[in-house]
Amino acid sequence: MAKFQLQANETLVGKGPMSLYQKQGLTQKPFQGKIYVTDKRICFHMDLSGTVLMDLPLDKVSGFTVGKALFVTKVTIHSGAGEHYTLTGFPAKKLQSWLLQLGIQRL
């Protein structure tokens, strides 16, 4: 099981439990884990296995969008390569502030 580790000269901005949605067939399936936002990258590690589902350098992030699914806030991080990572969970509002703090624009 891989644990999140800071790289040299990297500072943790925020972390928290969230769900990352990934395509499974025709639907999106939530994976439980933790989001880690640093001054250099955004990572998502699954809780059970420690599998890294997202490790995105900040210079590859094109922005983020915010939406609602019923009463749940979802934050979608967009990469310059056209990938998108949709996250939900208690720290969704904190995630938005961490991203803005790092200069990532809301689209």
PDB file of N, CA and C in Angstrom:
ATOM      1  N   MET A   1       0.848  -1.177   0.000  1.00  0.00           N
ATOM      2  CA  MET A   1       0.000   0.000   0.000  1.00  0.00           C
ATOM      3  C   MET A   1       0.895   1.242   0.000  1.00  0.00           C
ATOM      4  N   ALA A   2       0.728   2.075  -1.004  1.00  0.00           N
ATOM      5  CA  ALA A   2       1.521   3.296  -1.128  1.00  0.00           C
ATOM      6  C   ALA A   2       0.920   4.394  -0.257  1.00  0.00           C
ATOM      7  N   LYS A   3       1.758   5.001   0.546  1.00  0.00           N
ATOM      8  CA  LYS A   3       1.317   6.131   1.360  1.00  0.00           C
ATOM      9  C   LYS A   3       1.754   7.414   0.676  1.00  0.00           C
ATOM     10  N   PHE A   4       0.976   8.450   0.875  1.00  0.00           N
ATOM     11  CA  PHE A   4       1.328   9.737   0.297  1.00  0.00           C
ATOM     12  C   PHE A   4       2.576  10.270   0.985  1.00  0.00           C
ATOM     13  N   GLN A   5       3.509  10.741   0.165  1.00  0.00           N
ATOM     14  CA  GLN A   5       4.724  11.340   0.701  1.00  0.00           C
ATOM     15  C   GLN A   5       5.009  12.636  -0.030  1.00  0.00           C
ATOM     16  N   LEU A   6       5.376  13.637   0.739  1.00  0.00           N
ATOM     17  CA  LEU A   6       5.770  14.901   0.136  1.00  0.00           C
ATOM     18  C   LEU A   6       7.105  14.725  -0.570  1.00  0.00           C
ATOM     19  N   GLN A   7       7.256  15.402  -1.693  1.00  0.00           N
ATOM     20  CA  GLN A   7       8.528  15.399  -2.402  1.00  0.00           C
ATOM     21  C   GLN A   7       9.418  16.479  -1.807  1.00  0.00           C
ATOM     22  N   ALA A   8      10.675  16.497  -2.211  1.00  0.00           N
ATOM     23  CA  ALA A   8      11.610  17.510  -1.724  1.00  0.00           C
ATOM     24  C   ALA A   8      11.091  18.904  -2.079  1.00  0.00           C
ATOM     25  N   ASN A   9      11.185  19.825  -1.142  1.00  0.00           N
ATOM     26  CA  ASN A   9      10.754  21.219  -1.327  1.00  0.00           C
ATOM     27  C   ASN A   9       9.276  21.354  -1.681  1.00  0.00           C
ATOM     28  N   GLU A  10       8.435  20.458  -1.181  1.00  0.00           N
ATOM     29  CA  GLU A  10       6.992  20.490  -1.429  1.00  0.00           C
ATOM     30  C   GLU A  10       6.274  20.759  -0.110  1.00  0.00           C
ATOM     31  N   THR A  11       5.245  21.606  -0.157  1.00  0.00           N
ATOM     32  CA  THR A  11       4.490  21.965   1.040  1.00  0.00           C
ATOM     33  C   THR A  11       3.040  21.537   0.887  1.00  0.00           C
ATOM     34  N   LEU A  12       2.501  20.884   1.916  1.00  0.00           N
ATOM     35  CA  LEU A  12       1.099  20.472   1.919  1.00  0.00           C
ATOM     36  C   LEU A  12       0.212  21.682   2.162  1.00  0.00           C
ATOM     37  N   VAL A  13      -0.743  21.912   1.270  1.00  0.00           N
ATOM     38  CA  VAL A  13      -1.690  23.021   1.395  1.00  0.00           C
ATOM     39  C   VAL A  13      -2.952  22.542   2.107  1.00  0.00           C
ATOM     40  N   GLY A  14      -3.411  21.312   1.793  1.00  0.00           N
ATOM     41  CA  GLY A  14      -4.594  20.762   2.435  1.00  0.00           C
ATOM     42  C   GLY A  14      -4.797  19.311   2.071  1.00  0.00           C
ATOM     43  N   LYS A  15      -5.556  18.605   2.908  1.00  0.00           N
ATOM     44  CA  LYS A  15      -5.896  17.212   2.632  1.00  0.00           C
ATOM     45  C   LYS A  15      -7.225  16.901   3.285  1.00  0.00           C
ATOM     46  N   GLY A  16      -7.897  15.862   2.791  1.00  0.00           N
ATOM     47  CA  GLY A  16      -9.162  15.473   3.385  1.00  0.00           C
ATOM     48  C   GLY A  16      -9.770  14.279   2.683  1.00  0.00           C
ATOM     49  N   PRO A  17     -10.726  13.624   3.350  1.00  0.00           N
ATOM     50  CA  PRO A  17     -11.400  12.469   2.753  1.00  0.00           C
ATOM     51  C   PRO A  17     -12.388  12.915   1.684  1.00  0.00           C
ATOM     52  N   MET A  18     -12.311  12.278   0.522  1.00  0.00           N
ATOM     53  CA  MET A  18     -13.217  12.601  -0.578  1.00  0.00           C
ATOM     54  C   MET A  18     -13.475  11.346  -1.385  1.00  0.00           C
ATOM     55  N   SER A  19     -14.381  11.451  -2.340  1.00  0.00           N
ATOM     56  CA  SER A  19     -14.643  10.381  -3.306  1.00  0.00           C
ATOM     57  C   SER A  19     -14.273  10.905  -4.681  1.00  0.00           C
ATOM     58  N   LEU A  20     -13.528  10.096  -5.434  1.00  0.00           N
ATOM     59  CA  LEU A  20     -13.160  10.426  -6.797  1.00  0.00           C
ATOM     60  C   LEU A  20     -13.980   9.538  -7.716  1.00  0.00           C
ATOM     61  N   TYR A  21     -14.658  10.141  -8.677  1.00  0.00           N
ATOM     62  CA  TYR A  21     -15.508   9.388  -9.603  1.00  0.00           C
ATOM     63  C   TYR A  21     -14.723   9.040 -10.853  1.00  0.00           C
ATOM     64  N   GLN A  22     -14.769   7.741 -11.211  1.00  0.00           N
ATOM     65  CA  GLN A  22     -14.104   7.274 -12.424  1.00  0.00           C
ATOM     66  C   GLN A  22     -15.068   6.449 -13.246  1.00  0.00           C
ATOM     67  N   LYS A  23     -14.874   6.510 -14.555  1.00  0.00           N
ATOM     68  CA  LYS A  23     -15.759   5.799 -15.470  1.00  0.00           C
ATOM     69  C   LYS A  23     -15.578   4.297 -15.324  1.00  0.00           C
ATOM     70  N   GLN A  24     -16.690   3.599 -15.138  1.00  0.00           N
ATOM     71  CA  GLN A  24     -16.739   2.146 -15.067  1.00  0.00           C
ATOM     72  C   GLN A  24     -17.848   1.700 -16.002  1.00  0.00           C
ATOM     73  N   GLY A  25     -17.496   1.290 -17.207  1.00  0.00           N
ATOM     74  CA  GLY A  25     -18.519   0.953 -18.187  1.00  0.00           C
ATOM     75  C   GLY A  25     -19.223   2.216 -18.644  1.00  0.00           C
ATOM     76  N   LEU A  26     -20.552   2.242 -18.473  1.00  0.00           N
ATOM     77  CA  LEU A  26     -21.334   3.409 -18.881  1.00  0.00           C
ATOM     78  C   LEU A  26     -21.589   4.388 -17.743  1.00  0.00           C
ATOM     79  N   THR A  27     -21.168   4.042 -16.537  1.00  0.00           N
ATOM     80  CA  THR A  27     -21.458   4.885 -15.381  1.00  0.00           C
ATOM     81  C   THR A  27     -20.170   5.396 -14.731  1.00  0.00           C
ATOM     82  N   GLN A  28     -20.354   6.285 -13.772  1.00  0.00           N
ATOM     83  CA  GLN A  28     -19.262   6.803 -12.962  1.00  0.00           C
ATOM     84  C   GLN A  28     -19.342   6.142 -11.587  1.00  0.00           C
ATOM     85  N   LYS A  29     -18.247   5.572 -11.120  1.00  0.00           N
ATOM     86  CA  LYS A  29     -18.221   4.888  -9.828  1.00  0.00           C
ATOM     87  C   LYS A  29     -17.337   5.684  -8.865  1.00  0.00           C
ATOM     88  N   PRO A  30     -17.832   5.908  -7.619  1.00  0.00           N
ATOM     89  CA  PRO A  30     -17.020   6.637  -6.649  1.00  0.00           C
ATOM     90  C   PRO A  30     -16.004   5.724  -5.963  1.00  0.00           C
ATOM     91  N   PHE A  31     -14.796   6.242  -5.802  1.00  0.00           N
ATOM     92  CA  PHE A  31     -13.745   5.551  -5.058  1.00  0.00           C
ATOM     93  C   PHE A  31     -13.398   6.398  -3.842  1.00  0.00           C
ATOM     94  N   GLN A  32     -13.434   5.788  -2.672  1.00  0.00           N
ATOM     95  CA  GLN A  32     -13.167   6.500  -1.426  1.00  0.00           C
ATOM     96  C   GLN A  32     -11.661   6.645  -1.219  1.00  0.00           C
ATOM     97  N   GLY A  33     -11.259   7.807  -0.745  1.00  0.00           N
ATOM     98  CA  GLY A  33      -9.842   8.012  -0.485  1.00  0.00           C
ATOM     99  C   GLY A  33      -9.579   9.381   0.093  1.00  0.00           C
ATOM    100  N   LYS A  34      -8.360   9.849  -0.104  1.00  0.00           N
ATOM    101  CA  LYS A  34      -7.962  11.157   0.409  1.00  0.00           C
ATOM    102  C   LYS A  34      -7.360  11.986  -0.714  1.00  0.00           C
ATOM    103  N   ILE A  35      -7.730  13.272  -0.707  1.00  0.00           N
ATOM    104  CA  ILE A  35      -7.155  14.241  -1.640  1.00  0.00           C
ATOM    105  C   ILE A  35      -6.011  14.944  -0.905  1.00  0.00           C
ATOM    106  N   TYR A  36      -4.916  15.129  -1.603  1.00  0.00           N
ATOM    107  CA  TYR A  36      -3.761  15.863  -1.079  1.00  0.00           C
ATOM    108  C   TYR A  36      -3.451  16.974  -2.067  1.00  0.00           C
ATOM    109  N   VAL A  37      -3.458  18.211  -1.578  1.00  0.00           N
ATOM    110  CA  VAL A  37      -3.142  19.362  -2.415  1.00  0.00           C
ATOM    111  C   VAL A  37      -1.863  19.974  -1.870  1.00  0.00           C
ATOM    112  N   THR A  38      -0.851  20.056  -2.730  1.00  0.00           N
ATOM    113  CA  THR A  38       0.412  20.661  -2.327  1.00  0.00           C
ATOM    114  C   THR A  38       0.682  21.866  -3.218  1.00  0.00           C
ATOM    115  N   ASP A  39       1.770  22.537  -2.952  1.00  0.00           N
ATOM    116  CA  ASP A  39       2.135  23.683  -3.779  1.00  0.00           C
ATOM    117  C   ASP A  39       2.712  23.267  -5.130  1.00  0.00           C
ATOM    118  N   LYS A  40       2.788  21.936  -5.383  1.00  0.00           N
ATOM    119  CA  LYS A  40       3.335  21.444  -6.651  1.00  0.00           C
ATOM    120  C   LYS A  40       2.399  20.490  -7.405  1.00  0.00           C
ATOM    121  N   ARG A  41       1.452  19.838  -6.704  1.00  0.00           N
ATOM    122  CA  ARG A  41       0.609  18.823  -7.354  1.00  0.00           C
ATOM    123  C   ARG A  41      -0.665  18.562  -6.559  1.00  0.00           C
ATOM    124  N   ILE A  42      -1.586  17.824  -7.209  1.00  0.00           N
ATOM    125  CA  ILE A  42      -2.829  17.373  -6.575  1.00  0.00           C
ATOM    126  C   ILE A  42      -2.852  15.857  -6.713  1.00  0.00           C
ATOM    127  N   CYS A  43      -3.040  15.164  -5.596  1.00  0.00           N
ATOM    128  CA  CYS A  43      -3.019  13.695  -5.596  1.00  0.00           C
ATOM    129  C   CYS A  43      -4.277  13.145  -4.950  1.00  0.00           C
ATOM    130  N   PHE A  44      -4.660  11.942  -5.390  1.00  0.00           N
ATOM    131  CA  PHE A  44      -5.759  11.219  -4.763  1.00  0.00           C
ATOM    132  C   PHE A  44      -5.305   9.783  -4.541  1.00  0.00           C
ATOM    133  N   HIS A  45      -5.359   9.337  -3.290  1.00  0.00           N
ATOM    134  CA  HIS A  45      -5.002   7.968  -2.928  1.00  0.00           C
ATOM    135  C   HIS A  45      -6.241   7.253  -2.407  1.00  0.00           C
ATOM    136  N   MET A  46      -6.498   6.040  -2.919  1.00  0.00           N
ATOM    137  CA  MET A  46      -7.626   5.232  -2.437  1.00  0.00           C
ATOM    138  C   MET A  46      -7.352   4.784  -1.005  1.00  0.00           C
ATOM    139  N   ASP A  47      -8.411   4.698  -0.190  1.00  0.00           N
ATOM    140  CA  ASP A  47      -8.275   4.298   1.205  1.00  0.00           C
ATOM    141  C   ASP A  47      -7.838   2.846   1.371  1.00  0.00           C
ATOM    142  N   LEU A  48      -8.533   1.930   0.737  1.00  0.00           N
ATOM    143  CA  LEU A  48      -8.282   0.510   0.997  1.00  0.00           C
ATOM    144  C   LEU A  48      -6.937   0.032   0.472  1.00  0.00           C
ATOM    145  N   SER A  49      -6.618   0.379  -0.747  1.00  0.00           N
ATOM    146  CA  SER A  49      -5.406  -0.152  -1.364  1.00  0.00           C
ATOM    147  C   SER A  49      -4.235   0.824  -1.375  1.00  0.00           C
ATOM    148  N   GLY A  50      -4.508   2.108  -1.195  1.00  0.00           N
ATOM    149  CA  GLY A  50      -3.457   3.107  -1.305  1.00  0.00           C
ATOM    150  C   GLY A  50      -3.103   3.427  -2.746  1.00  0.00           C
ATOM    151  N   THR A  51      -3.867   2.863  -3.684  1.00  0.00           N
ATOM    152  CA  THR A  51      -3.617   3.095  -5.108  1.00  0.00           C
ATOM    153  C   THR A  51      -3.751   4.583  -5.430  1.00  0.00           C
ATOM    154  N   VAL A  52      -2.814   5.082  -6.219  1.00  0.00           N
ATOM    155  CA  VAL A  52      -2.843   6.484  -6.634  1.00  0.00           C
ATOM    156  C   VAL A  52      -3.709   6.587  -7.884  1.00  0.00           C
ATOM    157  N   LEU A  53      -4.846   7.282  -7.778  1.00  0.00           N
ATOM    158  CA  LEU A  53      -5.738   7.461  -8.916  1.00  0.00           C
ATOM    159  C   LEU A  53      -5.521   8.797  -9.623  1.00  0.00           C
ATOM    160  N   MET A  54      -4.851   9.717  -8.940  1.00  0.00           N
ATOM    161  CA  MET A  54      -4.556  11.009  -9.543  1.00  0.00           C
ATOM    162  C   MET A  54      -3.267  11.539  -8.927  1.00  0.00           C
ATOM    163  N   ASP A  55      -2.346  11.967  -9.776  1.00  0.00           N
ATOM    164  CA  ASP A  55      -1.122  12.649  -9.354  1.00  0.00           C
ATOM    165  C   ASP A  55      -0.834  13.670 -10.445  1.00  0.00           C
ATOM    166  N   LEU A  56      -1.419  14.838 -10.282  1.00  0.00           N
ATOM    167  CA  LEU A  56      -1.451  15.853 -11.334  1.00  0.00           C
ATOM    168  C   LEU A  56      -0.608  17.066 -10.938  1.00  0.00           C
ATOM    169  N   PRO A  57       0.495  17.312 -11.663  1.00  0.00           N
ATOM    170  CA  PRO A  57       1.285  18.517 -11.388  1.00  0.00           C
ATOM    171  C   PRO A  57       0.449  19.770 -11.637  1.00  0.00           C
ATOM    172  N   LEU A  58       0.651  20.804 -10.826  1.00  0.00           N
ATOM    173  CA  LEU A  58      -0.157  22.020 -10.956  1.00  0.00           C
ATOM    174  C   LEU A  58      -0.024  22.663 -12.330  1.00  0.00           C
ATOM    175  N   ASP A  59       1.146  22.543 -12.961  1.00  0.00           N
ATOM    176  CA  ASP A  59       1.294  23.161 -14.279  1.00  0.00           C
ATOM    177  C   ASP A  59       0.514  22.440 -15.367  1.00  0.00           C
ATOM    178  N   LYS A  60      -0.065  21.290 -15.049  1.00  0.00           N
ATOM    179  CA  LYS A  60      -0.907  20.545 -15.995  1.00  0.00           C
ATOM    180  C   LYS A  60      -2.396  20.791 -15.759  1.00  0.00           C
ATOM    181  N   VAL A  61      -2.730  21.551 -14.699  1.00  0.00           N
ATOM    182  CA  VAL A  61      -4.133  21.844 -14.356  1.00  0.00           C
ATOM    183  C   VAL A  61      -4.571  23.090 -15.115  1.00  0.00           C
ATOM    184  N   SER A  62      -5.684  22.968 -15.864  1.00  0.00           N
ATOM    185  CA  SER A  62      -6.188  24.124 -16.610  1.00  0.00           C
ATOM    186  C   SER A  62      -7.239  24.904 -15.831  1.00  0.00           C
ATOM    187  N   GLY A  63      -7.809  24.307 -14.780  1.00  0.00           N
ATOM    188  CA  GLY A  63      -8.804  24.981 -13.956  1.00  0.00           C
ATOM    189  C   GLY A  63      -9.727  23.976 -13.301  1.00  0.00           C
ATOM    190  N   PHE A  64     -10.767  24.495 -12.661  1.00  0.00           N
ATOM    191  CA  PHE A  64     -11.749  23.619 -12.012  1.00  0.00           C
ATOM    192  C   PHE A  64     -13.143  24.203 -12.158  1.00  0.00           C
ATOM    193  N   THR A  65     -14.125  23.313 -12.101  1.00  0.00           N
ATOM    194  CA  THR A  65     -15.523  23.723 -12.125  1.00  0.00           C
ATOM    195  C   THR A  65     -16.204  23.181 -10.882  1.00  0.00           C
ATOM    196  N   VAL A  66     -17.316  23.822 -10.524  1.00  0.00           N
ATOM    197  CA  VAL A  66     -18.086  23.405  -9.357  1.00  0.00           C
ATOM    198  C   VAL A  66     -19.520  23.176  -9.795  1.00  0.00           C
ATOM    199  N   GLY A  67     -20.104  22.077  -9.352  1.00  0.00           N
ATOM    200  CA  GLY A  67     -21.490  21.761  -9.674  1.00  0.00           C
ATOM    201  C   GLY A  67     -22.170  21.104  -8.496  1.00  0.00           C
ATOM    202  N   LYS A  68     -23.401  20.701  -8.710  1.00  0.00           N
ATOM    203  CA  LYS A  68     -24.186  20.024  -7.666  1.00  0.00           C
ATOM    204  C   LYS A  68     -24.765  18.739  -8.232  1.00  0.00           C
ATOM    205  N   ALA A  69     -24.787  17.723  -7.402  1.00  0.00           N
ATOM    206  CA  ALA A  69     -25.495  16.477  -7.692  1.00  0.00           C
ATOM    207  C   ALA A  69     -26.448  16.302  -6.520  1.00  0.00           C
ATOM    208  N   LEU A  70     -27.718  16.616  -6.746  1.00  0.00           N
ATOM    209  CA  LEU A  70     -28.708  16.730  -5.672  1.00  0.00           C
ATOM    210  C   LEU A  70     -28.230  17.788  -4.701  1.00  0.00           C
ATOM    211  N   PHE A  71     -27.882  17.397  -3.470  1.00  0.00           N
ATOM    212  CA  PHE A  71     -27.445  18.379  -2.474  1.00  0.00           C
ATOM    213  C   PHE A  71     -25.942  18.323  -2.244  1.00  0.00           C
ATOM    214  N   VAL A  72     -25.250  17.562  -3.069  1.00  0.00           N
ATOM    215  CA  VAL A  72     -23.819  17.341  -2.882  1.00  0.00           C
ATOM    216  C   VAL A  72     -23.024  18.240  -3.829  1.00  0.00           C
ATOM    217  N   THR A  73     -22.049  18.954  -3.284  1.00  0.00           N
ATOM    218  CA  THR A  73     -21.167  19.777  -4.109  1.00  0.00           C
ATOM    219  C   THR A  73     -20.110  18.887  -4.733  1.00  0.00           C
ATOM    220  N   LYS A  74     -19.902  19.066  -6.033  1.00  0.00           N
ATOM    221  CA  LYS A  74     -18.839  18.317  -6.702  1.00  0.00           C
ATOM    222  C   LYS A  74     -17.881  19.302  -7.360  1.00  0.00           C
ATOM    223  N   VAL A  75     -16.604  19.014  -7.200  1.00  0.00           N
ATOM    224  CA  VAL A  75     -15.549  19.824  -7.783  1.00  0.00           C
ATOM    225  C   VAL A  75     -14.880  18.975  -8.852  1.00  0.00           C
ATOM    226  N   THR A  76     -14.770  19.514 -10.056  1.00  0.00           N
ATOM    227  CA  THR A  76     -14.112  18.802 -11.146  1.00  0.00           C
ATOM    228  C   THR A  76     -12.841  19.552 -11.519  1.00  0.00           C
ATOM    229  N   ILE A  77     -11.719  18.853 -11.429  1.00  0.00           N
ATOM    230  CA  ILE A  77     -10.422  19.415 -11.785  1.00  0.00           C
ATOM    231  C   ILE A  77     -10.137  19.022 -13.237  1.00  0.00           C
ATOM    232  N   HIS A  78      -9.785  20.005 -14.056  1.00  0.00           N
ATOM    233  CA  HIS A  78      -9.547  19.786 -15.478  1.00  0.00           C
ATOM    234  C   HIS A  78      -8.055  19.914 -15.780  1.00  0.00           C
ATOM    235  N   SER A  79      -7.536  18.973 -16.560  1.00  0.00           N
ATOM    236  CA  SER A  79      -6.139  19.055 -16.965  1.00  0.00           C
ATOM    237  C   SER A  79      -6.060  19.619 -18.378  1.00  0.00           C
ATOM    238  N   GLY A  80      -4.892  20.120 -18.734  1.00  0.00           N
ATOM    239  CA  GLY A  80      -4.679  20.648 -20.075  1.00  0.00           C
ATOM    240  C   GLY A  80      -4.773  19.569 -21.143  1.00  0.00           C
ATOM    241  N   ALA A  81      -4.610  18.299 -20.740  1.00  0.00           N
ATOM    242  CA  ALA A  81      -4.671  17.176 -21.680  1.00  0.00           C
ATOM    243  C   ALA A  81      -6.103  16.701 -21.911  1.00  0.00           C
ATOM    244  N   GLY A  82      -7.084  17.382 -21.312  1.00  0.00           N
ATOM    245  CA  GLY A  82      -8.479  17.015 -21.504  1.00  0.00           C
ATOM    246  C   GLY A  82      -9.027  16.030 -20.482  1.00  0.00           C
ATOM    247  N   GLU A  83      -8.214  15.638 -19.520  1.00  0.00           N
ATOM    248  CA  GLU A  83      -8.703  14.746 -18.460  1.00  0.00           C
ATOM    249  C   GLU A  83      -9.493  15.572 -17.454  1.00  0.00           C
ATOM    250  N   HIS A  84     -10.423  14.918 -16.771  1.00  0.00           N
ATOM    251  CA  HIS A  84     -11.144  15.595 -15.699  1.00  0.00           C
ATOM    252  C   HIS A  84     -11.340  14.622 -14.539  1.00  0.00           C
ATOM    253  N   TYR A  85     -11.273  15.180 -13.344  1.00  0.00           N
ATOM    254  CA  TYR A  85     -11.366  14.405 -12.107  1.00  0.00           C
ATOM    255  C   TYR A  85     -12.466  15.026 -11.246  1.00  0.00           C
ATOM    256  N   THR A  86     -13.559  14.294 -11.057  1.00  0.00           N
ATOM    257  CA  THR A  86     -14.694  14.797 -10.286  1.00  0.00           C
ATOM    258  C   THR A  86     -14.624  14.240  -8.872  1.00  0.00           C
ATOM    259  N   LEU A  87     -14.693  15.146  -7.894  1.00  0.00           N
ATOM    260  CA  LEU A  87     -14.566  14.794  -6.483  1.00  0.00           C
ATOM    261  C   LEU A  87     -15.750  15.318  -5.690  1.00  0.00           C
ATOM    262  N   THR A  88     -16.185  14.539  -4.709  1.00  0.00           N
ATOM    263  CA  THR A  88     -17.214  14.981  -3.772  1.00  0.00           C
ATOM    264  C   THR A  88     -16.745  14.634  -2.368  1.00  0.00           C
ATOM    265  N   GLY A  89     -17.353  15.272  -1.400  1.00  0.00           N
ATOM    266  CA  GLY A  89     -17.025  14.968  -0.015  1.00  0.00           C
ATOM    267  C   GLY A  89     -17.062  16.214   0.835  1.00  0.00           C
ATOM    268  N   PHE A  90     -16.896  16.006   2.115  1.00  0.00           N
ATOM    269  CA  PHE A  90     -17.004  17.083   3.098  1.00  0.00           C
ATOM    270  C   PHE A  90     -16.087  18.272   2.785  1.00  0.00           C
ATOM    271  N   PRO A  91     -14.808  18.044   2.400  1.00  0.00           N
ATOM    272  CA  PRO A  91     -13.943  19.207   2.173  1.00  0.00           C
ATOM    273  C   PRO A  91     -14.060  19.835   0.781  1.00  0.00           C
ATOM    274  N   ALA A  92     -15.186  19.661   0.085  1.00  0.00           N
ATOM    275  CA  ALA A  92     -15.333  20.214  -1.269  1.00  0.00           C
ATOM    276  C   ALA A  92     -15.157  21.732  -1.278  1.00  0.00           C
ATOM    277  N   LYS A  93     -15.687  22.416  -0.288  1.00  0.00           N
ATOM    278  CA  LYS A  93     -15.521  23.873  -0.227  1.00  0.00           C
ATOM    279  C   LYS A  93     -14.083  24.236   0.098  1.00  0.00           C
ATOM    280  N   LYS A  94     -13.456  23.454   0.973  1.00  0.00           N
ATOM    281  CA  LYS A  94     -12.049  23.700   1.297  1.00  0.00           C
ATOM    282  C   LYS A  94     -11.181  23.457   0.070  1.00  0.00           C
ATOM    283  N   LEU A  95     -11.492  22.417  -0.695  1.00  0.00           N
ATOM    284  CA  LEU A  95     -10.733  22.114  -1.910  1.00  0.00           C
ATOM    285  C   LEU A  95     -10.755  23.301  -2.860  1.00  0.00           C
ATOM    286  N   GLN A  96     -11.910  23.915  -3.011  1.00  0.00           N
ATOM    287  CA  GLN A  96     -12.021  25.088  -3.882  1.00  0.00           C
ATOM    288  C   GLN A  96     -11.094  26.205  -3.397  1.00  0.00           C
ATOM    289  N   SER A  97     -11.061  26.445  -2.101  1.00  0.00           N
ATOM    290  CA  SER A  97     -10.209  27.522  -1.579  1.00  0.00           C
ATOM    291  C   SER A  97      -8.730  27.173  -1.722  1.00  0.00           C
ATOM    292  N   TRP A  98      -8.374  25.890  -1.557  1.00  0.00           N
ATOM    293  CA  TRP A  98      -6.974  25.487  -1.748  1.00  0.00           C
ATOM    294  C   TRP A  98      -6.548  25.727  -3.187  1.00  0.00           C
ATOM    295  N   LEU A  99      -7.420  25.368  -4.147  1.00  0.00           N
ATOM    296  CA  LEU A  99      -7.093  25.547  -5.554  1.00  0.00           C
ATOM    297  C   LEU A  99      -6.951  27.028  -5.905  1.00  0.00           C
ATOM    298  N   LEU A 100      -7.862  27.837  -5.415  1.00  0.00           N
ATOM    299  CA  LEU A 100      -7.786  29.286  -5.663  1.00  0.00           C
ATOM    300  C   LEU A 100      -6.531  29.869  -5.036  1.00  0.00           C
ATOM    301  N   GLN A 101      -6.178  29.415  -3.847  1.00  0.00           N
ATOM    302  CA  GLN A 101      -4.983  29.872  -3.146  1.00  0.00           C
ATOM    303  C   GLN A 101      -3.717  29.590  -3.991  1.00  0.00           C
ATOM    304  N   LEU A 102      -3.748  28.505  -4.759  1.00  0.00           N
ATOM    305  CA  LEU A 102      -2.616  28.123  -5.594  1.00  0.00           C
ATOM    306  C   LEU A 102      -2.647  28.784  -6.978  1.00  0.00           C
ATOM    307  N   GLY A 103      -3.659  29.627  -7.213  1.00  0.00           N
ATOM    308  CA  GLY A 103      -3.751  30.340  -8.471  1.00  0.00           C
ATOM    309  C   GLY A 103      -4.433  29.579  -9.590  1.00  0.00           C
ATOM    310  N   ILE A 104      -5.128  28.496  -9.244  1.00  0.00           N
ATOM    311  CA  ILE A 104      -5.875  27.721 -10.242  1.00  0.00           C
ATOM    312  C   ILE A 104      -7.229  28.388 -10.410  1.00  0.00           C
ATOM    313  N   GLN A 105      -7.587  28.671 -11.655  1.00  0.00           N
ATOM    314  CA  GLN A 105      -8.806  29.443 -11.900  1.00  0.00           C
ATOM    315  C   GLN A 105     -10.056  28.567 -11.941  1.00  0.00           C
ATOM    316  N   ARG A 106     -11.137  29.154 -11.480  1.00  0.00           N
ATOM    317  CA  ARG A 106     -12.443  28.520 -11.604  1.00  0.00           C
ATOM    318  C   ARG A 106     -12.967  28.803 -12.997  1.00  0.00           C
ATOM    319  N   LEU A 107     -13.337  27.763 -13.701  1.00  0.00           N
ATOM    320  CA  LEU A 107     -13.806  27.898 -15.087  1.00  0.00           C
ATOM    321  C   LEU A 107     -15.305  28.122 -15.144  1.00  0.00           C
TER     322      LEU A 107
END
